[in-house]
Amino acid sequence: MNDFITTNLPVPVRANSDDDPATILRFATDALNNGGAALATLVEVRGGAARALGDHVAIAADGRMCGYVSGGCVEAALAAEALQAIAEGRDRIVKFGEGSPYFDLALPCGGGISVVIHVLRSDDAIISVLAKLAARHPAALSYSPQYLALAEAKEIPRVSQWCGDKFVSVYHPRTKILVCGQSGEADAVRRLAESAGYDVEVLRASDQLTAPALAIDRFTAVALLHHDLDAEAGALTHALTSPAFYIGALGSSRTHRRRVERLQACGVNPDQLGRIKAPIGIFGPTRDTINLAISVLADVASARLRSLT
């Protein structure tokens, strides 16, 4: 019977190259409701690895897959294991690289990984996690090897990890960038951020500074790209009272000194002034909008990584 199952399984094929956790989880729920699915999770790294603990590959019963647990070296073999697990209706754990029976699948980094394959029987926990992410709240899934069960985690650790006898995969909302300005620089940052898959909100000088227009959470970066200190004042003051993980402002070092003097005169807490990255970006000076946008997005990405570790 096992030979029949093995030889009649579909050939794994990549559905897309997206590695966004919410996209992978949505793929898993769709696949579950259209024939069956498994969710593979990276739960151990031995030595070096291309991906982080908690990363997923979702595998549909028809062979389609979405996500990564390596640099692309083992996903096809992992999907074949997952298809076998779906056919048998049993979870399993597989190893690749160092310490693995797949001697011909060496990881370029020289390390090894262990991946849990969970055959989905319900998508309730995943749907709840997706709803929280859509509302821009952190969420987590907990997998129990003992009970072969996936549930929403009640307590969310800082990073994906083993918590006792359960593995907890942690998810954070996508980075949002609040782009303030109507300059060429602002438009370039918006376009590049959208291409990178970030959530983007644009606030122009003519917009009223109402609370909904400036909904800033701790997963939001604020990029102030005005050429006028008066035009940025309202948004900057609001941003400094928010939990934004990044606040950057356009202008030279001399312009920033004037900015700080104005804020001090308005009674802004001196501790808050150090939150402003000015001149904005990770490198500079730049004389064209594309290089500035790259500099800003690189700085935002770096700050986001630091805020989550």
Protein backbone atom coordinates (compact mmCIF):
# COMPACT_ATOMS: atom_id res chain seq x y z
CA MET A 1 0.00 0.00 0.00
CA ASN A 2 2.83 2.41 0.88
CA ASP A 3 4.51 1.72 -2.47
CA PHE A 4 1.23 2.50 -4.24
CA ILE A 5 0.90 5.75 -2.32
CA THR A 6 4.51 6.74 -2.97
CA THR A 7 4.46 6.09 -6.71
CA ASN A 8 1.14 7.84 -7.26
CA LEU A 9 1.92 11.06 -5.45
CA PRO A 10 1.99 14.30 -7.48
CA VAL A 11 5.27 15.94 -8.41
CA PRO A 12 6.02 18.93 -6.13
CA VAL A 13 5.88 22.29 -7.89
CA ARG A 14 6.41 25.77 -6.50
CA ALA A 15 3.23 27.85 -6.60
CA ASN A 16 5.03 31.15 -5.96
CA SER A 17 8.23 32.54 -4.50
CA ASP A 18 6.59 34.52 -1.69
CA ASP A 19 7.98 34.03 1.82
CA ASP A 20 5.57 36.33 3.67
CA PRO A 21 4.20 34.30 6.63
CA ALA A 22 0.62 35.51 6.12
CA THR A 23 0.74 34.51 2.45
CA ILE A 24 2.02 31.04 3.36
CA LEU A 25 -0.64 30.56 6.03
CA ARG A 26 -3.41 31.67 3.65
CA PHE A 27 -2.05 29.24 1.07
CA ALA A 28 -2.25 26.47 3.69
CA THR A 29 -5.88 27.19 4.58
CA ASP A 30 -6.91 27.39 0.92
CA ALA A 31 -5.15 24.10 0.19
CA LEU A 32 -6.75 22.41 3.20
CA ASN A 33 -10.19 23.36 1.93
CA ASN A 34 -9.38 22.14 -1.58
CA GLY A 35 -8.09 18.63 -1.05
CA GLY A 36 -5.72 18.71 1.90
CA ALA A 37 -2.50 20.33 3.07
CA ALA A 38 0.49 20.11 5.36
CA LEU A 39 2.40 22.87 7.11
CA ALA A 40 6.15 22.29 7.45
CA THR A 41 8.01 24.28 10.11
CA LEU A 42 11.72 24.78 10.66
CA VAL A 43 12.25 23.76 14.31
CA GLU A 44 16.00 23.15 14.58
CA VAL A 45 19.15 24.62 13.03
CA ARG A 46 22.50 22.84 13.35
CA GLY A 47 25.33 25.16 12.41
CA GLY A 48 24.51 27.72 9.74
CA ALA A 49 21.19 28.08 7.94
CA ALA A 50 19.59 30.35 5.37
CA ARG A 51 16.28 30.69 7.22
CA ALA A 52 15.11 31.42 10.75
CA LEU A 53 13.43 29.09 13.21
CA GLY A 54 9.67 29.10 12.68
CA ASP A 55 9.79 29.61 8.92
CA HIS A 56 7.25 27.56 6.95
CA VAL A 57 6.54 25.72 3.76
CA ALA A 58 2.86 25.01 3.06
CA ILE A 59 2.24 22.02 0.80
CA ALA A 60 -1.05 21.30 -0.97
CA ALA A 61 -2.19 17.73 -1.63
CA ASP A 62 -1.92 18.42 -5.37
CA GLY A 63 1.82 19.09 -5.04
CA ARG A 64 1.89 22.89 -5.00
CA MET A 65 4.04 24.50 -2.34
CA CYS A 66 4.65 27.97 -0.93
CA GLY A 67 7.38 29.17 1.40
CA TYR A 68 10.96 28.30 2.34
CA VAL A 69 12.89 26.60 5.14
CA SER A 70 16.23 26.84 3.33
CA GLY A 71 17.73 28.76 0.44
CA GLY A 72 15.77 26.54 -1.94
CA CYS A 73 18.04 23.50 -1.54
CA VAL A 74 15.65 21.08 0.17
CA GLU A 75 12.12 22.31 -0.50
CA ALA A 76 11.35 19.78 -3.25
CA ALA A 77 12.46 16.86 -1.05
CA LEU A 78 10.53 18.36 1.87
CA ALA A 79 7.38 18.65 -0.26
CA ALA A 80 7.75 15.00 -1.32
CA GLU A 81 7.91 14.03 2.38
CA ALA A 82 4.87 16.21 3.10
CA LEU A 83 2.86 14.63 0.28
CA GLN A 84 3.66 11.21 1.74
CA ALA A 85 2.58 12.45 5.19
CA ILE A 86 -0.71 13.78 3.76
CA ALA A 87 -1.38 10.47 2.02
CA GLU A 88 -0.70 8.53 5.22
CA GLY A 89 -2.42 11.07 7.47
CA ARG A 90 0.55 11.15 9.86
CA ASP A 91 2.86 13.94 11.00
CA ARG A 92 6.60 13.46 10.76
CA ILE A 93 9.91 15.18 11.34
CA VAL A 94 12.67 15.19 8.72
CA LYS A 95 16.30 16.26 8.80
CA PHE A 96 18.40 17.77 6.02
CA GLY A 97 22.09 18.54 5.81
CA GLU A 98 24.30 17.55 8.72
CA GLY A 99 22.97 14.44 10.46
CA SER A 100 20.43 13.73 7.72
CA PRO A 101 19.74 10.53 5.77
CA TYR A 102 19.54 12.74 2.66
CA PHE A 103 23.30 12.48 2.09
CA ASP A 104 22.97 13.97 -1.40
CA LEU A 105 21.19 17.11 -0.14
CA ALA A 106 24.04 19.01 1.50
CA LEU A 107 23.19 22.55 2.59
CA PRO A 108 25.61 25.13 1.10
CA CYS A 109 26.00 26.68 4.57
CA GLY A 110 27.37 23.35 5.83
CA GLY A 111 24.84 23.02 8.63
CA GLY A 112 21.71 21.00 9.11
CA ILE A 113 18.03 21.59 9.81
CA SER A 114 15.08 19.69 11.26
CA VAL A 115 11.58 20.31 9.94
CA VAL A 116 8.26 19.21 11.44
CA ILE A 117 5.56 18.31 8.91
CA HIS A 118 2.07 18.70 10.33
CA VAL A 119 -0.86 17.34 8.33
CA LEU A 120 -3.56 19.97 8.72
CA ARG A 121 -6.89 18.72 10.01
CA SER A 122 -8.35 22.12 10.92
CA ASP A 123 -7.54 25.71 9.99
CA ASP A 124 -9.21 27.35 13.01
CA ALA A 125 -5.92 28.36 14.66
CA ILE A 126 -4.45 29.65 11.40
CA ILE A 127 -7.56 31.71 10.61
CA SER A 128 -7.40 33.29 14.07
CA VAL A 129 -3.73 34.16 13.58
CA LEU A 130 -4.44 35.69 10.16
CA ALA A 131 -7.21 37.82 11.65
CA LYS A 132 -4.84 39.18 14.29
CA LEU A 133 -2.17 39.97 11.71
CA ALA A 134 -4.75 41.76 9.55
CA ALA A 135 -5.62 43.87 12.62
CA ARG A 136 -1.87 44.54 13.03
CA HIS A 137 -1.41 42.52 16.20
CA PRO A 138 1.33 39.91 16.83
CA ALA A 139 0.21 36.28 16.92
CA ALA A 140 1.68 32.80 17.26
CA LEU A 141 0.97 29.14 16.51
CA SER A 142 1.96 26.37 18.91
CA TYR A 143 2.71 22.84 17.68
CA SER A 144 2.70 19.86 20.03
CA PRO A 145 4.66 16.82 18.75
CA GLN A 146 3.10 14.73 21.50
CA TYR A 147 -0.48 15.42 20.46
CA LEU A 148 0.26 16.20 16.78
CA ALA A 149 -1.83 19.34 17.25
CA LEU A 150 -1.60 22.94 16.06
CA ALA A 151 -3.16 25.66 18.21
CA GLU A 152 -3.00 29.39 18.64
CA ALA A 153 -0.44 30.24 21.32
CA LYS A 154 -1.79 32.17 24.29
CA GLU A 155 1.62 33.58 25.21
CA ILE A 156 3.82 35.03 22.47
CA PRO A 157 7.60 34.84 22.95
CA ARG A 158 9.84 37.42 21.32
CA VAL A 159 11.02 35.01 18.62
CA SER A 160 10.02 31.56 17.33
CA GLN A 161 11.37 28.87 19.64
CA TRP A 162 10.72 25.72 21.64
CA CYS A 163 8.70 26.53 24.75
CA GLY A 164 8.88 23.38 26.82
CA ASP A 165 7.61 20.49 24.71
CA LYS A 166 5.89 22.74 22.14
CA PHE A 167 7.29 24.73 19.25
CA VAL A 168 5.90 28.26 18.96
CA SER A 169 6.04 30.11 15.63
CA VAL A 170 5.78 33.87 16.10
CA TYR A 171 4.32 36.27 13.52
CA HIS A 172 4.43 40.05 13.43
CA PRO A 173 2.43 42.46 11.25
CA ARG A 174 4.02 43.64 8.03
CA THR A 175 6.11 46.78 8.14
CA LYS A 176 4.05 49.87 7.45
CA ILE A 177 5.65 53.08 6.24
CA LEU A 178 3.95 56.41 6.75
CA VAL A 179 5.41 58.60 4.01
CA CYS A 180 4.93 62.28 4.78
CA GLY A 181 5.46 64.70 1.92
CA GLN A 182 4.60 65.36 -1.70
CA SER A 183 8.12 65.68 -3.08
CA GLY A 184 9.84 63.51 -5.65
CA GLU A 185 11.65 61.83 -2.77
CA ALA A 186 8.35 60.90 -1.13
CA ASP A 187 7.02 59.41 -4.36
CA ALA A 188 10.20 57.36 -4.89
CA VAL A 189 10.06 55.99 -1.33
CA ARG A 190 6.38 55.10 -1.78
CA ARG A 191 7.02 53.21 -5.04
CA LEU A 192 9.98 51.27 -3.67
CA ALA A 193 8.19 50.42 -0.42
CA GLU A 194 5.17 49.11 -2.31
CA SER A 195 7.46 47.00 -4.52
CA ALA A 196 9.05 45.57 -1.37
CA GLY A 197 5.65 44.45 -0.13
CA TYR A 198 5.35 46.95 2.72
CA ASP A 199 2.08 48.57 3.71
CA VAL A 200 2.30 52.20 2.66
CA GLU A 201 0.31 55.22 3.76
CA VAL A 202 0.99 58.64 2.27
CA LEU A 203 0.30 61.84 4.20
CA ARG A 204 0.58 64.99 2.14
CA ALA A 205 0.98 68.48 3.53
CA SER A 206 -2.60 69.31 2.62
CA ASP A 207 -4.00 66.37 4.60
CA GLN A 208 -5.53 67.13 7.96
CA LEU A 209 -3.55 65.61 10.82
CA THR A 210 -6.37 63.57 12.29
CA ALA A 211 -5.84 60.46 14.40
CA PRO A 212 -6.96 58.01 11.65
CA ALA A 213 -4.57 59.63 9.19
CA LEU A 214 -1.71 59.08 11.64
CA ALA A 215 -2.47 55.59 12.94
CA ILE A 216 1.01 54.58 14.04
CA ASP A 217 1.82 51.32 15.82
CA ARG A 218 5.14 49.77 16.84
CA PHE A 219 5.46 48.13 13.42
CA THR A 220 5.28 51.48 11.62
CA ALA A 221 8.14 53.56 10.24
CA VAL A 222 7.66 57.29 9.66
CA ALA A 223 9.55 58.96 6.79
CA LEU A 224 9.31 62.75 6.82
CA LEU A 225 10.28 63.92 3.34
CA HIS A 226 9.38 67.59 3.35
CA HIS A 227 11.69 70.41 2.31
CA ASP A 228 10.07 72.70 4.86
CA LEU A 229 10.29 72.32 8.65
CA ASP A 230 6.88 73.95 9.06
CA ALA A 231 5.27 71.36 6.78
CA GLU A 232 6.63 68.43 8.78
CA ALA A 233 5.96 69.84 12.25
CA GLY A 234 2.52 68.34 12.91
CA ALA A 235 3.37 64.85 11.70
CA LEU A 236 6.74 64.83 13.47
CA THR A 237 5.27 65.91 16.79
CA HIS A 238 2.65 63.16 16.53
CA ALA A 239 5.22 60.56 15.51
CA LEU A 240 7.40 61.36 18.53
CA THR A 241 4.52 60.49 20.86
CA SER A 242 3.85 57.22 19.01
CA PRO A 243 5.50 53.77 19.32
CA ALA A 244 6.90 53.95 15.76
CA PHE A 245 10.08 51.87 15.47
CA TYR A 246 11.67 54.36 13.06
CA ILE A 247 11.35 58.11 12.56
CA GLY A 248 13.49 59.63 9.81
CA ALA A 249 13.54 63.18 8.51
CA LEU A 250 14.92 64.73 5.33
CA GLY A 251 17.50 67.47 5.55
CA SER A 252 21.15 68.18 6.30
CA SER A 253 22.80 68.10 9.71
CA ARG A 254 22.41 71.88 9.85
CA THR A 255 18.69 71.57 9.09
CA HIS A 256 18.35 68.98 11.81
CA ARG A 257 19.95 71.28 14.37
CA ARG A 258 17.31 73.87 13.52
CA ARG A 259 14.63 71.16 13.78
CA VAL A 260 15.81 70.16 17.25
CA GLU A 261 15.95 73.79 18.42
CA ARG A 262 12.35 74.32 17.28
CA LEU A 263 11.16 71.17 19.01
CA GLN A 264 12.96 72.10 22.22
CA ALA A 265 11.34 75.52 22.13
CA CYS A 266 7.95 73.78 21.83
CA GLY A 267 8.68 71.74 24.97
CA VAL A 268 9.28 68.36 23.33
CA ASN A 269 10.86 65.90 25.74
CA PRO A 270 14.63 65.83 25.06
CA ASP A 271 14.62 62.02 25.32
CA GLN A 272 12.32 61.89 22.30
CA LEU A 273 14.59 63.98 20.11
CA GLY A 274 17.15 61.18 19.89
CA ARG A 275 14.57 59.03 18.12
CA ILE A 276 14.82 61.14 14.96
CA LYS A 277 17.17 59.75 12.31
CA ALA A 278 18.41 62.80 10.43
CA PRO A 279 19.67 63.00 7.81
CA ILE A 280 17.29 60.17 6.90
CA GLY A 281 18.64 56.94 5.41
CA ILE A 282 21.45 54.46 5.89
CA PHE A 283 23.92 56.23 3.62
CA GLY A 284 24.35 59.66 2.17
CA PRO A 285 24.39 62.28 0.97
CA THR A 286 22.29 61.36 -2.04
CA ARG A 287 21.49 63.65 -4.94
CA ASP A 288 18.74 61.67 -6.67
CA THR A 289 15.42 60.25 -5.56
CA ILE A 290 16.10 56.57 -6.31
CA ASN A 291 19.28 56.41 -4.24
CA LEU A 292 17.53 58.26 -1.43
CA ALA A 293 14.63 55.79 -1.52
CA ILE A 294 17.05 52.84 -1.39
CA SER A 295 18.87 54.47 1.52
CA VAL A 296 15.61 55.06 3.42
CA LEU A 297 14.23 51.56 2.83
CA ALA A 298 17.54 49.96 3.85
CA ASP A 299 17.52 52.00 7.06
CA VAL A 300 13.91 51.05 7.78
CA ALA A 301 14.60 47.35 7.16
CA SER A 302 17.63 47.43 9.45
CA ALA A 303 15.69 49.19 12.21
CA ARG A 304 12.80 46.72 11.90
CA LEU A 305 15.16 43.76 12.34
CA ARG A 306 16.71 45.35 15.42
CA SER A 307 13.29 46.02 16.92
CA LEU A 308 12.35 42.32 16.72
CA THR A 309 15.56 40.83 18.14
